[in-house]
Amino acid sequence: IDGIYNMGPAEASACAGLIRARHT
């Protein structure tokens, strides 16, 4: 979630919604 070299917290949150893991 660093938002510099990778996605930031907002994009990671959206991805978590796609993945639908029991825990993220």
PDBML (XML) file of the C-alpha atoms, coordinates in Angstrom:
<?xml version="1.0" encoding="UTF-8" ?>
<PDBx:datablock datablockName="MODEL"
   xmlns:PDBx="http://pdbml.pdb.org/schema/pdbx-v50.xsd"
   xmlns:xsi="http://www.w3.org/2001/XMLSchema-instance"
   xsi:schemaLocation="http://pdbml.pdb.org/schema/pdbx-v50.xsd pdbx-v50.xsd">
   <PDBx:atom_siteCategory>
      <PDBx:atom_site id="1">
         <PDBx:B_iso_or_equiv>0.00</PDBx:B_iso_or_equiv>
         <PDBx:Cartn_x>0.000</PDBx:Cartn_x>
         <PDBx:Cartn_y>0.000</PDBx:Cartn_y>
         <PDBx:Cartn_z>0.000</PDBx:Cartn_z>
         <PDBx:auth_asym_id>A</PDBx:auth_asym_id>
         <PDBx:auth_atom_id>CA</PDBx:auth_atom_id>
         <PDBx:auth_comp_id>ILE</PDBx:auth_comp_id>
         <PDBx:auth_seq_id>1</PDBx:auth_seq_id>
         <PDBx:group_PDB>ATOM</PDBx:group_PDB>
         <PDBx:label_alt_id xsi:nil="true" />
         <PDBx:label_asym_id>A</PDBx:label_asym_id>
         <PDBx:label_atom_id>CA</PDBx:label_atom_id>
         <PDBx:label_comp_id>ILE</PDBx:label_comp_id>
         <PDBx:label_entity_id>1</PDBx:label_entity_id>
         <PDBx:label_seq_id>1</PDBx:label_seq_id>
         <PDBx:occupancy>1.00</PDBx:occupancy>
         <PDBx:pdbx_PDB_model_num>1</PDBx:pdbx_PDB_model_num>
         <PDBx:type_symbol>C</PDBx:type_symbol>
      </PDBx:atom_site>
      <PDBx:atom_site id="2">
         <PDBx:B_iso_or_equiv>0.00</PDBx:B_iso_or_equiv>
         <PDBx:Cartn_x>2.996</PDBx:Cartn_x>
         <PDBx:Cartn_y>2.380</PDBx:Cartn_y>
         <PDBx:Cartn_z>-0.173</PDBx:Cartn_z>
         <PDBx:auth_asym_id>A</PDBx:auth_asym_id>
         <PDBx:auth_atom_id>CA</PDBx:auth_atom_id>
         <PDBx:auth_comp_id>ASP</PDBx:auth_comp_id>
         <PDBx:auth_seq_id>2</PDBx:auth_seq_id>
         <PDBx:group_PDB>ATOM</PDBx:group_PDB>
         <PDBx:label_alt_id xsi:nil="true" />
         <PDBx:label_asym_id>A</PDBx:label_asym_id>
         <PDBx:label_atom_id>CA</PDBx:label_atom_id>
         <PDBx:label_comp_id>ASP</PDBx:label_comp_id>
         <PDBx:label_entity_id>1</PDBx:label_entity_id>
         <PDBx:label_seq_id>2</PDBx:label_seq_id>
         <PDBx:occupancy>1.00</PDBx:occupancy>
         <PDBx:pdbx_PDB_model_num>1</PDBx:pdbx_PDB_model_num>
         <PDBx:type_symbol>C</PDBx:type_symbol>
      </PDBx:atom_site>
      <PDBx:atom_site id="3">
         <PDBx:B_iso_or_equiv>0.00</PDBx:B_iso_or_equiv>
         <PDBx:Cartn_x>1.620</PDBx:Cartn_x>
         <PDBx:Cartn_y>4.492</PDBx:Cartn_y>
         <PDBx:Cartn_z>-3.029</PDBx:Cartn_z>
         <PDBx:auth_asym_id>A</PDBx:auth_asym_id>
         <PDBx:auth_atom_id>CA</PDBx:auth_atom_id>
         <PDBx:auth_comp_id>GLY</PDBx:auth_comp_id>
         <PDBx:auth_seq_id>3</PDBx:auth_seq_id>
         <PDBx:group_PDB>ATOM</PDBx:group_PDB>
         <PDBx:label_alt_id xsi:nil="true" />
         <PDBx:label_asym_id>A</PDBx:label_asym_id>
         <PDBx:label_atom_id>CA</PDBx:label_atom_id>
         <PDBx:label_comp_id>GLY</PDBx:label_comp_id>
         <PDBx:label_entity_id>1</PDBx:label_entity_id>
         <PDBx:label_seq_id>3</PDBx:label_seq_id>
         <PDBx:occupancy>1.00</PDBx:occupancy>
         <PDBx:pdbx_PDB_model_num>1</PDBx:pdbx_PDB_model_num>
         <PDBx:type_symbol>C</PDBx:type_symbol>
      </PDBx:atom_site>
      <PDBx:atom_site id="4">
         <PDBx:B_iso_or_equiv>0.00</PDBx:B_iso_or_equiv>
         <PDBx:Cartn_x>5.114</PDBx:Cartn_x>
         <PDBx:Cartn_y>5.219</PDBx:Cartn_y>
         <PDBx:Cartn_z>-4.394</PDBx:Cartn_z>
         <PDBx:auth_asym_id>A</PDBx:auth_asym_id>
         <PDBx:auth_atom_id>CA</PDBx:auth_atom_id>
         <PDBx:auth_comp_id>ILE</PDBx:auth_comp_id>
         <PDBx:auth_seq_id>4</PDBx:auth_seq_id>
         <PDBx:group_PDB>ATOM</PDBx:group_PDB>
         <PDBx:label_alt_id xsi:nil="true" />
         <PDBx:label_asym_id>A</PDBx:label_asym_id>
         <PDBx:label_atom_id>CA</PDBx:label_atom_id>
         <PDBx:label_comp_id>ILE</PDBx:label_comp_id>
         <PDBx:label_entity_id>1</PDBx:label_entity_id>
         <PDBx:label_seq_id>4</PDBx:label_seq_id>
         <PDBx:occupancy>1.00</PDBx:occupancy>
         <PDBx:pdbx_PDB_model_num>1</PDBx:pdbx_PDB_model_num>
         <PDBx:type_symbol>C</PDBx:type_symbol>
      </PDBx:atom_site>
      <PDBx:atom_site id="5">
         <PDBx:B_iso_or_equiv>0.00</PDBx:B_iso_or_equiv>
         <PDBx:Cartn_x>6.458</PDBx:Cartn_x>
         <PDBx:Cartn_y>2.018</PDBx:Cartn_y>
         <PDBx:Cartn_z>-5.891</PDBx:Cartn_z>
         <PDBx:auth_asym_id>A</PDBx:auth_asym_id>
         <PDBx:auth_atom_id>CA</PDBx:auth_atom_id>
         <PDBx:auth_comp_id>TYR</PDBx:auth_comp_id>
         <PDBx:auth_seq_id>5</PDBx:auth_seq_id>
         <PDBx:group_PDB>ATOM</PDBx:group_PDB>
         <PDBx:label_alt_id xsi:nil="true" />
         <PDBx:label_asym_id>A</PDBx:label_asym_id>
         <PDBx:label_atom_id>CA</PDBx:label_atom_id>
         <PDBx:label_comp_id>TYR</PDBx:label_comp_id>
         <PDBx:label_entity_id>1</PDBx:label_entity_id>
         <PDBx:label_seq_id>5</PDBx:label_seq_id>
         <PDBx:occupancy>1.00</PDBx:occupancy>
         <PDBx:pdbx_PDB_model_num>1</PDBx:pdbx_PDB_model_num>
         <PDBx:type_symbol>C</PDBx:type_symbol>
      </PDBx:atom_site>
      <PDBx:atom_site id="6">
         <PDBx:B_iso_or_equiv>0.00</PDBx:B_iso_or_equiv>
         <PDBx:Cartn_x>3.116</PDBx:Cartn_x>
         <PDBx:Cartn_y>0.236</PDBx:Cartn_y>
         <PDBx:Cartn_z>-5.696</PDBx:Cartn_z>
         <PDBx:auth_asym_id>A</PDBx:auth_asym_id>
         <PDBx:auth_atom_id>CA</PDBx:auth_atom_id>
         <PDBx:auth_comp_id>ASN</PDBx:auth_comp_id>
         <PDBx:auth_seq_id>6</PDBx:auth_seq_id>
         <PDBx:group_PDB>ATOM</PDBx:group_PDB>
         <PDBx:label_alt_id xsi:nil="true" />
         <PDBx:label_asym_id>A</PDBx:label_asym_id>
         <PDBx:label_atom_id>CA</PDBx:label_atom_id>
         <PDBx:label_comp_id>ASN</PDBx:label_comp_id>
         <PDBx:label_entity_id>1</PDBx:label_entity_id>
         <PDBx:label_seq_id>6</PDBx:label_seq_id>
         <PDBx:occupancy>1.00</PDBx:occupancy>
         <PDBx:pdbx_PDB_model_num>1</PDBx:pdbx_PDB_model_num>
         <PDBx:type_symbol>C</PDBx:type_symbol>
      </PDBx:atom_site>
      <PDBx:atom_site id="7">
         <PDBx:B_iso_or_equiv>0.00</PDBx:B_iso_or_equiv>
         <PDBx:Cartn_x>-0.559</PDBx:Cartn_x>
         <PDBx:Cartn_y>1.028</PDBx:Cartn_y>
         <PDBx:Cartn_z>-5.349</PDBx:Cartn_z>
         <PDBx:auth_asym_id>A</PDBx:auth_asym_id>
         <PDBx:auth_atom_id>CA</PDBx:auth_atom_id>
         <PDBx:auth_comp_id>MET</PDBx:auth_comp_id>
         <PDBx:auth_seq_id>7</PDBx:auth_seq_id>
         <PDBx:group_PDB>ATOM</PDBx:group_PDB>
         <PDBx:label_alt_id xsi:nil="true" />
         <PDBx:label_asym_id>A</PDBx:label_asym_id>
         <PDBx:label_atom_id>CA</PDBx:label_atom_id>
         <PDBx:label_comp_id>MET</PDBx:label_comp_id>
         <PDBx:label_entity_id>1</PDBx:label_entity_id>
         <PDBx:label_seq_id>7</PDBx:label_seq_id>
         <PDBx:occupancy>1.00</PDBx:occupancy>
         <PDBx:pdbx_PDB_model_num>1</PDBx:pdbx_PDB_model_num>
         <PDBx:type_symbol>C</PDBx:type_symbol>
      </PDBx:atom_site>
      <PDBx:atom_site id="8">
         <PDBx:B_iso_or_equiv>0.00</PDBx:B_iso_or_equiv>
         <PDBx:Cartn_x>-1.621</PDBx:Cartn_x>
         <PDBx:Cartn_y>3.271</PDBx:Cartn_y>
         <PDBx:Cartn_z>-2.498</PDBx:Cartn_z>
         <PDBx:auth_asym_id>A</PDBx:auth_asym_id>
         <PDBx:auth_atom_id>CA</PDBx:auth_atom_id>
         <PDBx:auth_comp_id>GLY</PDBx:auth_comp_id>
         <PDBx:auth_seq_id>8</PDBx:auth_seq_id>
         <PDBx:group_PDB>ATOM</PDBx:group_PDB>
         <PDBx:label_alt_id xsi:nil="true" />
         <PDBx:label_asym_id>A</PDBx:label_asym_id>
         <PDBx:label_atom_id>CA</PDBx:label_atom_id>
         <PDBx:label_comp_id>GLY</PDBx:label_comp_id>
         <PDBx:label_entity_id>1</PDBx:label_entity_id>
         <PDBx:label_seq_id>8</PDBx:label_seq_id>
         <PDBx:occupancy>1.00</PDBx:occupancy>
         <PDBx:pdbx_PDB_model_num>1</PDBx:pdbx_PDB_model_num>
         <PDBx:type_symbol>C</PDBx:type_symbol>
      </PDBx:atom_site>
      <PDBx:atom_site id="9">
         <PDBx:B_iso_or_equiv>0.00</PDBx:B_iso_or_equiv>
         <PDBx:Cartn_x>-4.172</PDBx:Cartn_x>
         <PDBx:Cartn_y>2.531</PDBx:Cartn_y>
         <PDBx:Cartn_z>0.223</PDBx:Cartn_z>
         <PDBx:auth_asym_id>A</PDBx:auth_asym_id>
         <PDBx:auth_atom_id>CA</PDBx:auth_atom_id>
         <PDBx:auth_comp_id>PRO</PDBx:auth_comp_id>
         <PDBx:auth_seq_id>9</PDBx:auth_seq_id>
         <PDBx:group_PDB>ATOM</PDBx:group_PDB>
         <PDBx:label_alt_id xsi:nil="true" />
         <PDBx:label_asym_id>A</PDBx:label_asym_id>
         <PDBx:label_atom_id>CA</PDBx:label_atom_id>
         <PDBx:label_comp_id>PRO</PDBx:label_comp_id>
         <PDBx:label_entity_id>1</PDBx:label_entity_id>
         <PDBx:label_seq_id>9</PDBx:label_seq_id>
         <PDBx:occupancy>1.00</PDBx:occupancy>
         <PDBx:pdbx_PDB_model_num>1</PDBx:pdbx_PDB_model_num>
         <PDBx:type_symbol>C</PDBx:type_symbol>
      </PDBx:atom_site>
      <PDBx:atom_site id="10">
         <PDBx:B_iso_or_equiv>0.00</PDBx:B_iso_or_equiv>
         <PDBx:Cartn_x>-7.197</PDBx:Cartn_x>
         <PDBx:Cartn_y>3.524</PDBx:Cartn_y>
         <PDBx:Cartn_z>-1.889</PDBx:Cartn_z>
         <PDBx:auth_asym_id>A</PDBx:auth_asym_id>
         <PDBx:auth_atom_id>CA</PDBx:auth_atom_id>
         <PDBx:auth_comp_id>ALA</PDBx:auth_comp_id>
         <PDBx:auth_seq_id>10</PDBx:auth_seq_id>
         <PDBx:group_PDB>ATOM</PDBx:group_PDB>
         <PDBx:label_alt_id xsi:nil="true" />
         <PDBx:label_asym_id>A</PDBx:label_asym_id>
         <PDBx:label_atom_id>CA</PDBx:label_atom_id>
         <PDBx:label_comp_id>ALA</PDBx:label_comp_id>
         <PDBx:label_entity_id>1</PDBx:label_entity_id>
         <PDBx:label_seq_id>10</PDBx:label_seq_id>
         <PDBx:occupancy>1.00</PDBx:occupancy>
         <PDBx:pdbx_PDB_model_num>1</PDBx:pdbx_PDB_model_num>
         <PDBx:type_symbol>C</PDBx:type_symbol>
      </PDBx:atom_site>
      <PDBx:atom_site id="11">
         <PDBx:B_iso_or_equiv>0.00</PDBx:B_iso_or_equiv>
         <PDBx:Cartn_x>-6.276</PDBx:Cartn_x>
         <PDBx:Cartn_y>1.338</PDBx:Cartn_y>
         <PDBx:Cartn_z>-4.860</PDBx:Cartn_z>
         <PDBx:auth_asym_id>A</PDBx:auth_asym_id>
         <PDBx:auth_atom_id>CA</PDBx:auth_atom_id>
         <PDBx:auth_comp_id>GLU</PDBx:auth_comp_id>
         <PDBx:auth_seq_id>11</PDBx:auth_seq_id>
         <PDBx:group_PDB>ATOM</PDBx:group_PDB>
         <PDBx:label_alt_id xsi:nil="true" />
         <PDBx:label_asym_id>A</PDBx:label_asym_id>
         <PDBx:label_atom_id>CA</PDBx:label_atom_id>
         <PDBx:label_comp_id>GLU</PDBx:label_comp_id>
         <PDBx:label_entity_id>1</PDBx:label_entity_id>
         <PDBx:label_seq_id>11</PDBx:label_seq_id>
         <PDBx:occupancy>1.00</PDBx:occupancy>
         <PDBx:pdbx_PDB_model_num>1</PDBx:pdbx_PDB_model_num>
         <PDBx:type_symbol>C</PDBx:type_symbol>
      </PDBx:atom_site>
      <PDBx:atom_site id="12">
         <PDBx:B_iso_or_equiv>0.00</PDBx:B_iso_or_equiv>
         <PDBx:Cartn_x>-5.293</PDBx:Cartn_x>
         <PDBx:Cartn_y>-1.525</PDBx:Cartn_y>
         <PDBx:Cartn_z>-2.548</PDBx:Cartn_z>
         <PDBx:auth_asym_id>A</PDBx:auth_asym_id>
         <PDBx:auth_atom_id>CA</PDBx:auth_atom_id>
         <PDBx:auth_comp_id>ALA</PDBx:auth_comp_id>
         <PDBx:auth_seq_id>12</PDBx:auth_seq_id>
         <PDBx:group_PDB>ATOM</PDBx:group_PDB>
         <PDBx:label_alt_id xsi:nil="true" />
         <PDBx:label_asym_id>A</PDBx:label_asym_id>
         <PDBx:label_atom_id>CA</PDBx:label_atom_id>
         <PDBx:label_comp_id>ALA</PDBx:label_comp_id>
         <PDBx:label_entity_id>1</PDBx:label_entity_id>
         <PDBx:label_seq_id>12</PDBx:label_seq_id>
         <PDBx:occupancy>1.00</PDBx:occupancy>
         <PDBx:pdbx_PDB_model_num>1</PDBx:pdbx_PDB_model_num>
         <PDBx:type_symbol>C</PDBx:type_symbol>
      </PDBx:atom_site>
      <PDBx:atom_site id="13">
         <PDBx:B_iso_or_equiv>0.00</PDBx:B_iso_or_equiv>
         <PDBx:Cartn_x>-8.667</PDBx:Cartn_x>
         <PDBx:Cartn_y>-1.229</PDBx:Cartn_y>
         <PDBx:Cartn_z>-0.804</PDBx:Cartn_z>
         <PDBx:auth_asym_id>A</PDBx:auth_asym_id>
         <PDBx:auth_atom_id>CA</PDBx:auth_atom_id>
         <PDBx:auth_comp_id>SER</PDBx:auth_comp_id>
         <PDBx:auth_seq_id>13</PDBx:auth_seq_id>
         <PDBx:group_PDB>ATOM</PDBx:group_PDB>
         <PDBx:label_alt_id xsi:nil="true" />
         <PDBx:label_asym_id>A</PDBx:label_asym_id>
         <PDBx:label_atom_id>CA</PDBx:label_atom_id>
         <PDBx:label_comp_id>SER</PDBx:label_comp_id>
         <PDBx:label_entity_id>1</PDBx:label_entity_id>
         <PDBx:label_seq_id>13</PDBx:label_seq_id>
         <PDBx:occupancy>1.00</PDBx:occupancy>
         <PDBx:pdbx_PDB_model_num>1</PDBx:pdbx_PDB_model_num>
         <PDBx:type_symbol>C</PDBx:type_symbol>
      </PDBx:atom_site>
      <PDBx:atom_site id="14">
         <PDBx:B_iso_or_equiv>0.00</PDBx:B_iso_or_equiv>
         <PDBx:Cartn_x>-10.409</PDBx:Cartn_x>
         <PDBx:Cartn_y>-1.488</PDBx:Cartn_y>
         <PDBx:Cartn_z>-4.171</PDBx:Cartn_z>
         <PDBx:auth_asym_id>A</PDBx:auth_asym_id>
         <PDBx:auth_atom_id>CA</PDBx:auth_atom_id>
         <PDBx:auth_comp_id>ALA</PDBx:auth_comp_id>
         <PDBx:auth_seq_id>14</PDBx:auth_seq_id>
         <PDBx:group_PDB>ATOM</PDBx:group_PDB>
         <PDBx:label_alt_id xsi:nil="true" />
         <PDBx:label_asym_id>A</PDBx:label_asym_id>
         <PDBx:label_atom_id>CA</PDBx:label_atom_id>
         <PDBx:label_comp_id>ALA</PDBx:label_comp_id>
         <PDBx:label_entity_id>1</PDBx:label_entity_id>
         <PDBx:label_seq_id>14</PDBx:label_seq_id>
         <PDBx:occupancy>1.00</PDBx:occupancy>
         <PDBx:pdbx_PDB_model_num>1</PDBx:pdbx_PDB_model_num>
         <PDBx:type_symbol>C</PDBx:type_symbol>
      </PDBx:atom_site>
      <PDBx:atom_site id="15">
         <PDBx:B_iso_or_equiv>0.00</PDBx:B_iso_or_equiv>
         <PDBx:Cartn_x>-8.302</PDBx:Cartn_x>
         <PDBx:Cartn_y>-4.541</PDBx:Cartn_y>
         <PDBx:Cartn_z>-5.040</PDBx:Cartn_z>
         <PDBx:auth_asym_id>A</PDBx:auth_asym_id>
         <PDBx:auth_atom_id>CA</PDBx:auth_atom_id>
         <PDBx:auth_comp_id>CYS</PDBx:auth_comp_id>
         <PDBx:auth_seq_id>15</PDBx:auth_seq_id>
         <PDBx:group_PDB>ATOM</PDBx:group_PDB>
         <PDBx:label_alt_id xsi:nil="true" />
         <PDBx:label_asym_id>A</PDBx:label_asym_id>
         <PDBx:label_atom_id>CA</PDBx:label_atom_id>
         <PDBx:label_comp_id>CYS</PDBx:label_comp_id>
         <PDBx:label_entity_id>1</PDBx:label_entity_id>
         <PDBx:label_seq_id>15</PDBx:label_seq_id>
         <PDBx:occupancy>1.00</PDBx:occupancy>
         <PDBx:pdbx_PDB_model_num>1</PDBx:pdbx_PDB_model_num>
         <PDBx:type_symbol>C</PDBx:type_symbol>
      </PDBx:atom_site>
      <PDBx:atom_site id="16">
         <PDBx:B_iso_or_equiv>0.00</PDBx:B_iso_or_equiv>
         <PDBx:Cartn_x>-9.228</PDBx:Cartn_x>
         <PDBx:Cartn_y>-6.157</PDBx:Cartn_y>
         <PDBx:Cartn_z>-1.728</PDBx:Cartn_z>
         <PDBx:auth_asym_id>A</PDBx:auth_asym_id>
         <PDBx:auth_atom_id>CA</PDBx:auth_atom_id>
         <PDBx:auth_comp_id>ALA</PDBx:auth_comp_id>
         <PDBx:auth_seq_id>16</PDBx:auth_seq_id>
         <PDBx:group_PDB>ATOM</PDBx:group_PDB>
         <PDBx:label_alt_id xsi:nil="true" />
         <PDBx:label_asym_id>A</PDBx:label_asym_id>
         <PDBx:label_atom_id>CA</PDBx:label_atom_id>
         <PDBx:label_comp_id>ALA</PDBx:label_comp_id>
         <PDBx:label_entity_id>1</PDBx:label_entity_id>
         <PDBx:label_seq_id>16</PDBx:label_seq_id>
         <PDBx:occupancy>1.00</PDBx:occupancy>
         <PDBx:pdbx_PDB_model_num>1</PDBx:pdbx_PDB_model_num>
         <PDBx:type_symbol>C</PDBx:type_symbol>
      </PDBx:atom_site>
      <PDBx:atom_site id="17">
         <PDBx:B_iso_or_equiv>0.00</PDBx:B_iso_or_equiv>
         <PDBx:Cartn_x>-12.858</PDBx:Cartn_x>
         <PDBx:Cartn_y>-5.756</PDBx:Cartn_y>
         <PDBx:Cartn_z>-2.754</PDBx:Cartn_z>
         <PDBx:auth_asym_id>A</PDBx:auth_asym_id>
         <PDBx:auth_atom_id>CA</PDBx:auth_atom_id>
         <PDBx:auth_comp_id>GLY</PDBx:auth_comp_id>
         <PDBx:auth_seq_id>17</PDBx:auth_seq_id>
         <PDBx:group_PDB>ATOM</PDBx:group_PDB>
         <PDBx:label_alt_id xsi:nil="true" />
         <PDBx:label_asym_id>A</PDBx:label_asym_id>
         <PDBx:label_atom_id>CA</PDBx:label_atom_id>
         <PDBx:label_comp_id>GLY</PDBx:label_comp_id>
         <PDBx:label_entity_id>1</PDBx:label_entity_id>
         <PDBx:label_seq_id>17</PDBx:label_seq_id>
         <PDBx:occupancy>1.00</PDBx:occupancy>
         <PDBx:pdbx_PDB_model_num>1</PDBx:pdbx_PDB_model_num>
         <PDBx:type_symbol>C</PDBx:type_symbol>
      </PDBx:atom_site>
      <PDBx:atom_site id="18">
         <PDBx:B_iso_or_equiv>0.00</PDBx:B_iso_or_equiv>
         <PDBx:Cartn_x>-12.129</PDBx:Cartn_x>
         <PDBx:Cartn_y>-7.627</PDBx:Cartn_y>
         <PDBx:Cartn_z>-5.979</PDBx:Cartn_z>
         <PDBx:auth_asym_id>A</PDBx:auth_asym_id>
         <PDBx:auth_atom_id>CA</PDBx:auth_atom_id>
         <PDBx:auth_comp_id>LEU</PDBx:auth_comp_id>
         <PDBx:auth_seq_id>18</PDBx:auth_seq_id>
         <PDBx:group_PDB>ATOM</PDBx:group_PDB>
         <PDBx:label_alt_id xsi:nil="true" />
         <PDBx:label_asym_id>A</PDBx:label_asym_id>
         <PDBx:label_atom_id>CA</PDBx:label_atom_id>
         <PDBx:label_comp_id>LEU</PDBx:label_comp_id>
         <PDBx:label_entity_id>1</PDBx:label_entity_id>
         <PDBx:label_seq_id>18</PDBx:label_seq_id>
         <PDBx:occupancy>1.00</PDBx:occupancy>
         <PDBx:pdbx_PDB_model_num>1</PDBx:pdbx_PDB_model_num>
         <PDBx:type_symbol>C</PDBx:type_symbol>
      </PDBx:atom_site>
      <PDBx:atom_site id="19">
         <PDBx:B_iso_or_equiv>0.00</PDBx:B_iso_or_equiv>
         <PDBx:Cartn_x>-10.129</PDBx:Cartn_x>
         <PDBx:Cartn_y>-10.411</PDBx:Cartn_y>
         <PDBx:Cartn_z>-4.331</PDBx:Cartn_z>
         <PDBx:auth_asym_id>A</PDBx:auth_asym_id>
         <PDBx:auth_atom_id>CA</PDBx:auth_atom_id>
         <PDBx:auth_comp_id>ILE</PDBx:auth_comp_id>
         <PDBx:auth_seq_id>19</PDBx:auth_seq_id>
         <PDBx:group_PDB>ATOM</PDBx:group_PDB>
         <PDBx:label_alt_id xsi:nil="true" />
         <PDBx:label_asym_id>A</PDBx:label_asym_id>
         <PDBx:label_atom_id>CA</PDBx:label_atom_id>
         <PDBx:label_comp_id>ILE</PDBx:label_comp_id>
         <PDBx:label_entity_id>1</PDBx:label_entity_id>
         <PDBx:label_seq_id>19</PDBx:label_seq_id>
         <PDBx:occupancy>1.00</PDBx:occupancy>
         <PDBx:pdbx_PDB_model_num>1</PDBx:pdbx_PDB_model_num>
         <PDBx:type_symbol>C</PDBx:type_symbol>
      </PDBx:atom_site>
      <PDBx:atom_site id="20">
         <PDBx:B_iso_or_equiv>0.00</PDBx:B_iso_or_equiv>
         <PDBx:Cartn_x>-12.646</PDBx:Cartn_x>
         <PDBx:Cartn_y>-10.944</PDBx:Cartn_y>
         <PDBx:Cartn_z>-1.516</PDBx:Cartn_z>
         <PDBx:auth_asym_id>A</PDBx:auth_asym_id>
         <PDBx:auth_atom_id>CA</PDBx:auth_atom_id>
         <PDBx:auth_comp_id>ARG</PDBx:auth_comp_id>
         <PDBx:auth_seq_id>20</PDBx:auth_seq_id>
         <PDBx:group_PDB>ATOM</PDBx:group_PDB>
         <PDBx:label_alt_id xsi:nil="true" />
         <PDBx:label_asym_id>A</PDBx:label_asym_id>
         <PDBx:label_atom_id>CA</PDBx:label_atom_id>
         <PDBx:label_comp_id>ARG</PDBx:label_comp_id>
         <PDBx:label_entity_id>1</PDBx:label_entity_id>
         <PDBx:label_seq_id>20</PDBx:label_seq_id>
         <PDBx:occupancy>1.00</PDBx:occupancy>
         <PDBx:pdbx_PDB_model_num>1</PDBx:pdbx_PDB_model_num>
         <PDBx:type_symbol>C</PDBx:type_symbol>
      </PDBx:atom_site>
      <PDBx:atom_site id="21">
         <PDBx:B_iso_or_equiv>0.00</PDBx:B_iso_or_equiv>
         <PDBx:Cartn_x>-10.252</PDBx:Cartn_x>
         <PDBx:Cartn_y>-12.727</PDBx:Cartn_y>
         <PDBx:Cartn_z>0.819</PDBx:Cartn_z>
         <PDBx:auth_asym_id>A</PDBx:auth_asym_id>
         <PDBx:auth_atom_id>CA</PDBx:auth_atom_id>
         <PDBx:auth_comp_id>ALA</PDBx:auth_comp_id>
         <PDBx:auth_seq_id>21</PDBx:auth_seq_id>
         <PDBx:group_PDB>ATOM</PDBx:group_PDB>
         <PDBx:label_alt_id xsi:nil="true" />
         <PDBx:label_asym_id>A</PDBx:label_asym_id>
         <PDBx:label_atom_id>CA</PDBx:label_atom_id>
         <PDBx:label_comp_id>ALA</PDBx:label_comp_id>
         <PDBx:label_entity_id>1</PDBx:label_entity_id>
         <PDBx:label_seq_id>21</PDBx:label_seq_id>
         <PDBx:occupancy>1.00</PDBx:occupancy>
         <PDBx:pdbx_PDB_model_num>1</PDBx:pdbx_PDB_model_num>
         <PDBx:type_symbol>C</PDBx:type_symbol>
      </PDBx:atom_site>
      <PDBx:atom_site id="22">
         <PDBx:B_iso_or_equiv>0.00</PDBx:B_iso_or_equiv>
         <PDBx:Cartn_x>-11.550</PDBx:Cartn_x>
         <PDBx:Cartn_y>-13.669</PDBx:Cartn_y>
         <PDBx:Cartn_z>4.236</PDBx:Cartn_z>
         <PDBx:auth_asym_id>A</PDBx:auth_asym_id>
         <PDBx:auth_atom_id>CA</PDBx:auth_atom_id>
         <PDBx:auth_comp_id>ARG</PDBx:auth_comp_id>
         <PDBx:auth_seq_id>22</PDBx:auth_seq_id>
         <PDBx:group_PDB>ATOM</PDBx:group_PDB>
         <PDBx:label_alt_id xsi:nil="true" />
         <PDBx:label_asym_id>A</PDBx:label_asym_id>
         <PDBx:label_atom_id>CA</PDBx:label_atom_id>
         <PDBx:label_comp_id>ARG</PDBx:label_comp_id>
         <PDBx:label_entity_id>1</PDBx:label_entity_id>
         <PDBx:label_seq_id>22</PDBx:label_seq_id>
         <PDBx:occupancy>1.00</PDBx:occupancy>
         <PDBx:pdbx_PDB_model_num>1</PDBx:pdbx_PDB_model_num>
         <PDBx:type_symbol>C</PDBx:type_symbol>
      </PDBx:atom_site>
      <PDBx:atom_site id="23">
         <PDBx:B_iso_or_equiv>0.00</PDBx:B_iso_or_equiv>
         <PDBx:Cartn_x>-8.905</PDBx:Cartn_x>
         <PDBx:Cartn_y>-11.386</PDBx:Cartn_y>
         <PDBx:Cartn_z>5.747</PDBx:Cartn_z>
         <PDBx:auth_asym_id>A</PDBx:auth_asym_id>
         <PDBx:auth_atom_id>CA</PDBx:auth_atom_id>
         <PDBx:auth_comp_id>HIS</PDBx:auth_comp_id>
         <PDBx:auth_seq_id>23</PDBx:auth_seq_id>
         <PDBx:group_PDB>ATOM</PDBx:group_PDB>
         <PDBx:label_alt_id xsi:nil="true" />
         <PDBx:label_asym_id>A</PDBx:label_asym_id>
         <PDBx:label_atom_id>CA</PDBx:label_atom_id>
         <PDBx:label_comp_id>HIS</PDBx:label_comp_id>
         <PDBx:label_entity_id>1</PDBx:label_entity_id>
         <PDBx:label_seq_id>23</PDBx:label_seq_id>
         <PDBx:occupancy>1.00</PDBx:occupancy>
         <PDBx:pdbx_PDB_model_num>1</PDBx:pdbx_PDB_model_num>
         <PDBx:type_symbol>C</PDBx:type_symbol>
      </PDBx:atom_site>
      <PDBx:atom_site id="24">
         <PDBx:B_iso_or_equiv>0.00</PDBx:B_iso_or_equiv>
         <PDBx:Cartn_x>-6.652</PDBx:Cartn_x>
         <PDBx:Cartn_y>-8.806</PDBx:Cartn_y>
         <PDBx:Cartn_z>4.088</PDBx:Cartn_z>
         <PDBx:auth_asym_id>A</PDBx:auth_asym_id>
         <PDBx:auth_atom_id>CA</PDBx:auth_atom_id>
         <PDBx:auth_comp_id>THR</PDBx:auth_comp_id>
         <PDBx:auth_seq_id>24</PDBx:auth_seq_id>
         <PDBx:group_PDB>ATOM</PDBx:group_PDB>
         <PDBx:label_alt_id xsi:nil="true" />
         <PDBx:label_asym_id>A</PDBx:label_asym_id>
         <PDBx:label_atom_id>CA</PDBx:label_atom_id>
         <PDBx:label_comp_id>THR</PDBx:label_comp_id>
         <PDBx:label_entity_id>1</PDBx:label_entity_id>
         <PDBx:label_seq_id>24</PDBx:label_seq_id>
         <PDBx:occupancy>1.00</PDBx:occupancy>
         <PDBx:pdbx_PDB_model_num>1</PDBx:pdbx_PDB_model_num>
         <PDBx:type_symbol>C</PDBx:type_symbol>
      </PDBx:atom_site>
   </PDBx:atom_siteCategory>
</PDBx:datablock>
